[in-house]
Protein backbone atom coordinates (compact mmCIF):
# COMPACT_ATOMS: atom_id res chain seq x y z
CA MET A 1 0.00 0.00 0.00
CA ASP A 2 2.91 2.37 -0.79
CA LYS A 3 1.12 4.44 -3.42
CA PRO A 4 -2.00 6.24 -2.12
CA SER A 5 -5.02 4.51 -3.65
CA LEU A 6 -8.79 4.62 -3.68
CA TYR A 7 -9.86 1.14 -2.57
CA LEU A 8 -13.32 -0.06 -3.62
CA ILE A 9 -14.38 -2.37 -0.80
CA PRO A 10 -17.29 -4.82 -1.35
CA VAL A 11 -19.53 -5.71 1.58
CA MET A 12 -21.90 -8.59 2.25
CA LEU A 13 -25.22 -8.65 0.41
CA GLY A 14 -27.11 -9.54 3.57
CA GLU A 15 -26.69 -11.20 6.96
CA THR A 16 -23.87 -13.44 5.74
CA PRO A 17 -20.67 -14.24 7.70
CA VAL A 18 -17.77 -12.08 6.55
CA ASP A 19 -15.43 -15.02 5.96
CA GLN A 20 -17.99 -16.65 3.66
CA VAL A 21 -17.90 -13.94 0.99
CA ILE A 22 -15.11 -11.45 1.80
CA PRO A 23 -11.43 -12.43 1.18
CA SER A 24 -9.07 -12.08 4.14
CA TYR A 25 -6.90 -9.74 2.05
CA ASN A 26 -9.70 -7.17 2.16
CA SER A 27 -9.54 -7.11 5.96
CA THR A 28 -5.80 -6.52 5.73
CA VAL A 29 -6.36 -3.52 3.46
CA ILE A 30 -9.15 -2.19 5.67
CA SER A 31 -6.94 -2.38 8.75
CA HIS A 32 -4.46 0.05 7.19
CA LEU A 33 -7.02 2.68 6.12
CA LYS A 34 -8.01 5.72 8.14
CA HIS A 35 -10.41 7.38 5.71
CA PHE A 36 -13.63 5.92 4.32
CA ILE A 37 -16.23 7.26 1.89
CA VAL A 38 -19.45 5.44 2.77
CA GLU A 39 -23.10 5.34 1.84
CA ASN A 40 -24.16 5.00 5.48
CA VAL A 41 -21.79 5.64 8.39
CA ARG A 42 -23.57 3.40 10.87
CA SER A 43 -23.65 0.29 8.68
CA ALA A 44 -20.08 0.98 7.47
CA ARG A 45 -18.80 1.07 11.05
CA ARG A 46 -20.57 -2.24 11.73
CA PHE A 47 -19.04 -3.82 8.62
CA LEU A 48 -15.51 -2.65 9.46
CA LYS A 49 -15.82 -4.02 12.99
CA ALA A 50 -16.98 -7.37 11.58
CA CYS A 51 -13.92 -7.48 9.31
CA ASN A 52 -11.52 -6.60 12.11
CA PRO A 53 -12.81 -6.62 15.72
CA ASP A 54 -9.63 -4.84 16.84
CA ILE A 55 -10.06 -1.85 14.56
CA GLU A 56 -10.29 1.53 16.35
CA ILE A 57 -13.50 2.86 14.84
CA ASP A 58 -13.35 6.20 16.63
CA ALA A 59 -9.93 6.89 15.10
CA LEU A 60 -11.35 6.71 11.57
CA THR A 61 -12.75 9.51 9.42
CA PHE A 62 -15.98 8.93 7.51
CA TYR A 63 -17.39 10.91 4.59
CA GLU A 64 -21.00 10.16 3.70
CA LEU A 65 -21.84 9.77 0.01
CA ASN A 66 -25.45 9.05 -0.91
CA LYS A 67 -28.34 10.60 -2.83
CA HIS A 68 -28.47 13.51 -0.37
CA THR A 69 -24.79 14.45 -0.78
CA ASP A 70 -23.95 17.75 -2.49
CA ARG A 71 -22.06 16.62 -5.60
CA ASP A 72 -19.91 19.78 -5.48
CA SER A 73 -18.38 18.63 -2.19
CA ILE A 74 -17.34 15.14 -3.33
CA SER A 75 -13.89 16.19 -4.50
CA ASP A 76 -13.14 17.27 -0.92
CA TYR A 77 -13.46 13.61 0.11
CA LEU A 78 -10.22 12.90 -1.75
CA ILE A 79 -8.08 15.43 0.13
CA ALA A 80 -6.52 12.51 2.05
CA LEU A 81 -5.24 11.10 -1.26
CA LYS A 82 -3.58 14.42 -2.02
CA LYS A 83 -1.82 14.11 1.34
CA GLY A 84 -0.57 10.63 0.49
CA GLU A 85 -3.13 8.61 2.44
CA SER A 86 -5.28 5.86 0.91
CA VAL A 87 -9.06 5.99 1.08
CA GLY A 88 -11.70 3.23 1.10
CA VAL A 89 -15.14 3.35 -0.53
CA ILE A 90 -17.97 1.29 1.00
CA SER A 91 -21.57 1.02 -0.23
CA GLU A 92 -24.58 -0.41 1.60
CA ALA A 93 -24.34 -3.81 -0.09
CA GLY A 94 -22.20 -5.54 -2.67
CA CYS A 95 -19.67 -3.74 -4.84
CA PRO A 96 -19.30 0.05 -4.60
CA ALA A 97 -19.65 2.19 -7.73
CA VAL A 98 -22.00 -0.28 -9.45
CA ALA A 99 -25.56 1.14 -9.35
CA ASP A 100 -24.16 3.17 -6.48
CA PRO A 101 -23.21 6.81 -5.68
CA GLY A 102 -19.60 5.69 -5.29
CA ALA A 103 -19.20 5.95 -9.06
CA ASP A 104 -19.03 9.74 -8.71
CA VAL A 105 -15.98 9.71 -6.47
CA VAL A 106 -14.29 7.04 -8.61
CA ALA A 107 -14.76 9.25 -11.68
CA ILE A 108 -13.05 12.14 -9.91
CA ALA A 109 -10.20 9.90 -8.76
CA GLN A 110 -9.64 8.72 -12.33
CA GLN A 111 -9.68 12.28 -13.63
CA GLU A 112 -7.14 13.32 -11.02
CA GLY A 113 -4.88 10.38 -11.86
CA TYR A 114 -5.14 8.53 -8.55
CA LYS A 115 -4.78 4.76 -8.45
CA VAL A 116 -8.16 3.02 -8.14
CA VAL A 117 -8.14 -0.52 -6.73
CA PRO A 118 -11.32 -2.68 -6.90
CA LEU A 119 -11.22 -5.45 -4.30
CA VAL A 120 -12.78 -8.87 -4.75
CA GLY A 121 -16.22 -9.44 -3.23
CA PRO A 122 -19.84 -10.37 -3.91
CA SER A 123 -21.58 -8.78 -6.90
CA SER A 124 -25.28 -9.60 -7.06
CA LEU A 125 -25.35 -8.76 -10.77
CA LEU A 126 -22.55 -11.09 -11.86
CA MET A 127 -23.69 -13.84 -9.50
CA ALA A 128 -27.22 -13.57 -10.90
CA VAL A 129 -25.92 -13.90 -14.47
CA MET A 130 -23.80 -16.89 -13.43
CA ALA A 131 -26.77 -18.73 -11.93
CA SER A 132 -29.45 -17.76 -14.46
CA GLY A 133 -28.48 -20.03 -17.32
CA PHE A 134 -28.69 -17.03 -19.67
CA ASN A 135 -26.08 -15.63 -22.05
CA GLY A 136 -23.02 -14.74 -19.98
CA GLN A 137 -21.03 -13.39 -22.93
CA SER A 138 -23.43 -10.59 -23.72
CA PHE A 139 -25.52 -8.95 -21.02
CA ALA A 140 -26.65 -5.44 -20.10
CA PHE A 141 -27.56 -3.93 -16.74
CA HIS A 142 -30.19 -1.19 -16.81
CA GLY A 143 -30.49 -0.25 -13.13
CA TYR A 144 -33.98 0.85 -12.12
CA LEU A 145 -36.78 0.91 -14.68
CA PRO A 146 -39.20 3.88 -14.91
CA ILE A 147 -41.73 4.27 -12.10
CA ASP A 148 -44.52 5.38 -14.43
CA GLN A 149 -46.53 2.28 -15.35
CA ASN A 150 -46.82 3.02 -19.07
CA GLU A 151 -43.17 3.97 -19.43
CA ARG A 152 -42.12 0.87 -17.51
CA ALA A 153 -44.22 -1.35 -19.73
CA ARG A 154 -42.62 0.16 -22.85
CA ARG A 155 -39.15 -0.30 -21.37
CA ILE A 156 -39.78 -3.94 -20.48
CA LYS A 157 -40.98 -4.65 -24.02
CA LYS A 158 -37.95 -2.88 -25.45
CA LEU A 159 -35.54 -4.89 -23.29
CA GLU A 160 -37.32 -8.11 -24.19
CA ALA A 161 -36.94 -7.25 -27.89
CA ARG A 162 -33.22 -6.68 -27.36
CA SER A 163 -32.85 -10.06 -25.71
CA TYR A 164 -34.15 -11.65 -28.91
CA SER A 165 -32.55 -9.40 -31.53
CA GLU A 166 -29.12 -9.21 -29.88
CA ASP A 167 -29.10 -12.57 -28.05
CA GLN A 168 -28.38 -10.53 -24.93
CA THR A 169 -29.32 -11.07 -21.28
CA GLN A 170 -31.12 -8.04 -19.80
CA LEU A 171 -30.73 -7.23 -16.08
CA PHE A 172 -32.49 -4.69 -13.89
CA ILE A 173 -33.36 -4.10 -10.26
CA GLU A 174 -36.16 -2.49 -8.31
CA THR A 175 -36.74 -0.89 -4.95
CA PRO A 176 -37.49 -3.94 -2.74
CA TYR A 177 -41.04 -2.87 -1.86
CA ARG A 178 -41.92 -2.73 -5.57
CA ASN A 179 -40.56 -6.15 -6.52
CA HIS A 180 -43.96 -7.76 -6.95
CA LYS A 181 -45.17 -4.92 -9.14
CA ILE A 182 -42.31 -5.18 -11.60
CA ALA A 183 -42.54 -8.98 -11.67
CA ALA A 184 -46.26 -8.70 -12.44
CA ASP A 185 -45.49 -6.22 -15.24
CA ILE A 186 -42.98 -8.64 -16.77
CA LEU A 187 -45.54 -11.44 -16.73
CA GLN A 188 -48.16 -9.16 -18.26
CA HIS A 189 -46.13 -7.62 -21.06
CA CYS A 190 -43.60 -10.28 -22.09
CA ASN A 191 -44.00 -13.22 -24.45
CA PRO A 192 -45.05 -16.42 -22.61
CA ALA A 193 -41.88 -18.13 -23.92
CA THR A 194 -39.51 -15.40 -22.69
CA LYS A 195 -37.39 -16.54 -19.78
CA LEU A 196 -37.34 -14.71 -16.46
CA CYS A 197 -34.82 -15.34 -13.69
CA ILE A 198 -35.57 -13.99 -10.23
CA ALA A 199 -32.39 -13.82 -8.13
CA MET A 200 -33.20 -12.90 -4.54
CA ASN A 201 -31.08 -12.58 -1.39
CA ILE A 202 -27.98 -13.70 -3.27
CA SER A 203 -25.26 -15.26 -1.08
CA CYS A 204 -27.56 -15.24 1.96
CA LYS A 205 -28.92 -18.22 3.87
CA ASP A 206 -32.31 -17.96 2.13
CA GLU A 207 -30.86 -17.38 -1.35
CA TYR A 208 -33.39 -17.94 -4.14
CA ILE A 209 -32.36 -18.03 -7.81
CA VAL A 210 -34.92 -19.60 -10.15
CA THR A 211 -35.33 -19.41 -13.95
CA ARG A 212 -38.63 -20.16 -15.65
CA SER A 213 -40.55 -19.03 -18.71
CA VAL A 214 -43.02 -16.20 -18.25
CA LYS A 215 -45.81 -18.69 -18.77
CA GLU A 216 -44.43 -20.99 -16.06
CA TRP A 217 -44.08 -18.12 -13.58
CA LYS A 218 -47.74 -17.08 -13.74
CA GLY A 219 -49.42 -17.77 -10.42
CA LYS A 220 -46.14 -18.99 -8.92
CA LEU A 221 -44.18 -15.86 -8.02
CA PRO A 222 -42.24 -16.12 -4.75
CA GLU A 223 -42.64 -13.74 -1.81
CA MET A 224 -40.30 -10.87 -2.67
CA HIS A 225 -41.52 -7.96 -0.55
CA LYS A 226 -38.62 -5.91 0.81
CA LYS A 227 -36.07 -8.48 -0.35
CA PRO A 228 -33.18 -7.44 -2.63
CA CYS A 229 -33.78 -8.91 -6.09
CA VAL A 230 -32.15 -8.91 -9.49
CA PHE A 231 -34.45 -9.57 -12.45
CA LEU A 232 -33.09 -11.04 -15.68
CA ILE A 233 -34.95 -11.66 -18.93
CA TYR A 234 -33.73 -13.57 -21.94
CA LYS A 235 -35.13 -14.85 -25.18
CA GLY A 236 -37.22 -18.01 -25.08
CA SER A 237 -36.38 -21.17 -26.96
């Protein structure tokens, strides 16, 4: 850790033991850092303590980066790098900077020429693709779909068309309390033969990853309320 770096530190995707999904090397890196850019200070402190019970939490400096953060102040979070000290980035779950505010600070670090180091850890998106049985050579992540019902329906149909025309897996996510709504929209607007994979609570004790055709899913959707899910659609046979 000679050269000051921005370390992108993955966290667990749920109530999973640290040693089950986080490499020991990550804890070594964490133990040497004094500055952290985090989505939520409270959960970040809990995660750091789980990685290293001996860490002195009160000796660390935290900068909060979430949807409420003034984007003009983000560059100030990298002052430690200018002084020769490495900084860690931690999101609420999974890998920082992927569907996450951390991307903003990474962009600044790249522009300023700082070394950016992504650490190994759980990625719900890649793990969902791995377990779906869909095309793993060509896939696209679209984040959150529109909230407006008509716009969302049009977007779902467009993504389904791409899965057929480009032989490409389409991934998206939803706010956990709207999971059932988006699943219902997929069943309503997609071809009965189109395949849908619901990947829920990935890497957790109650992990659920199931692929079926839209027709086979009807009347058989799992309980998804307030559970983190990744939805994947792909062309039917």
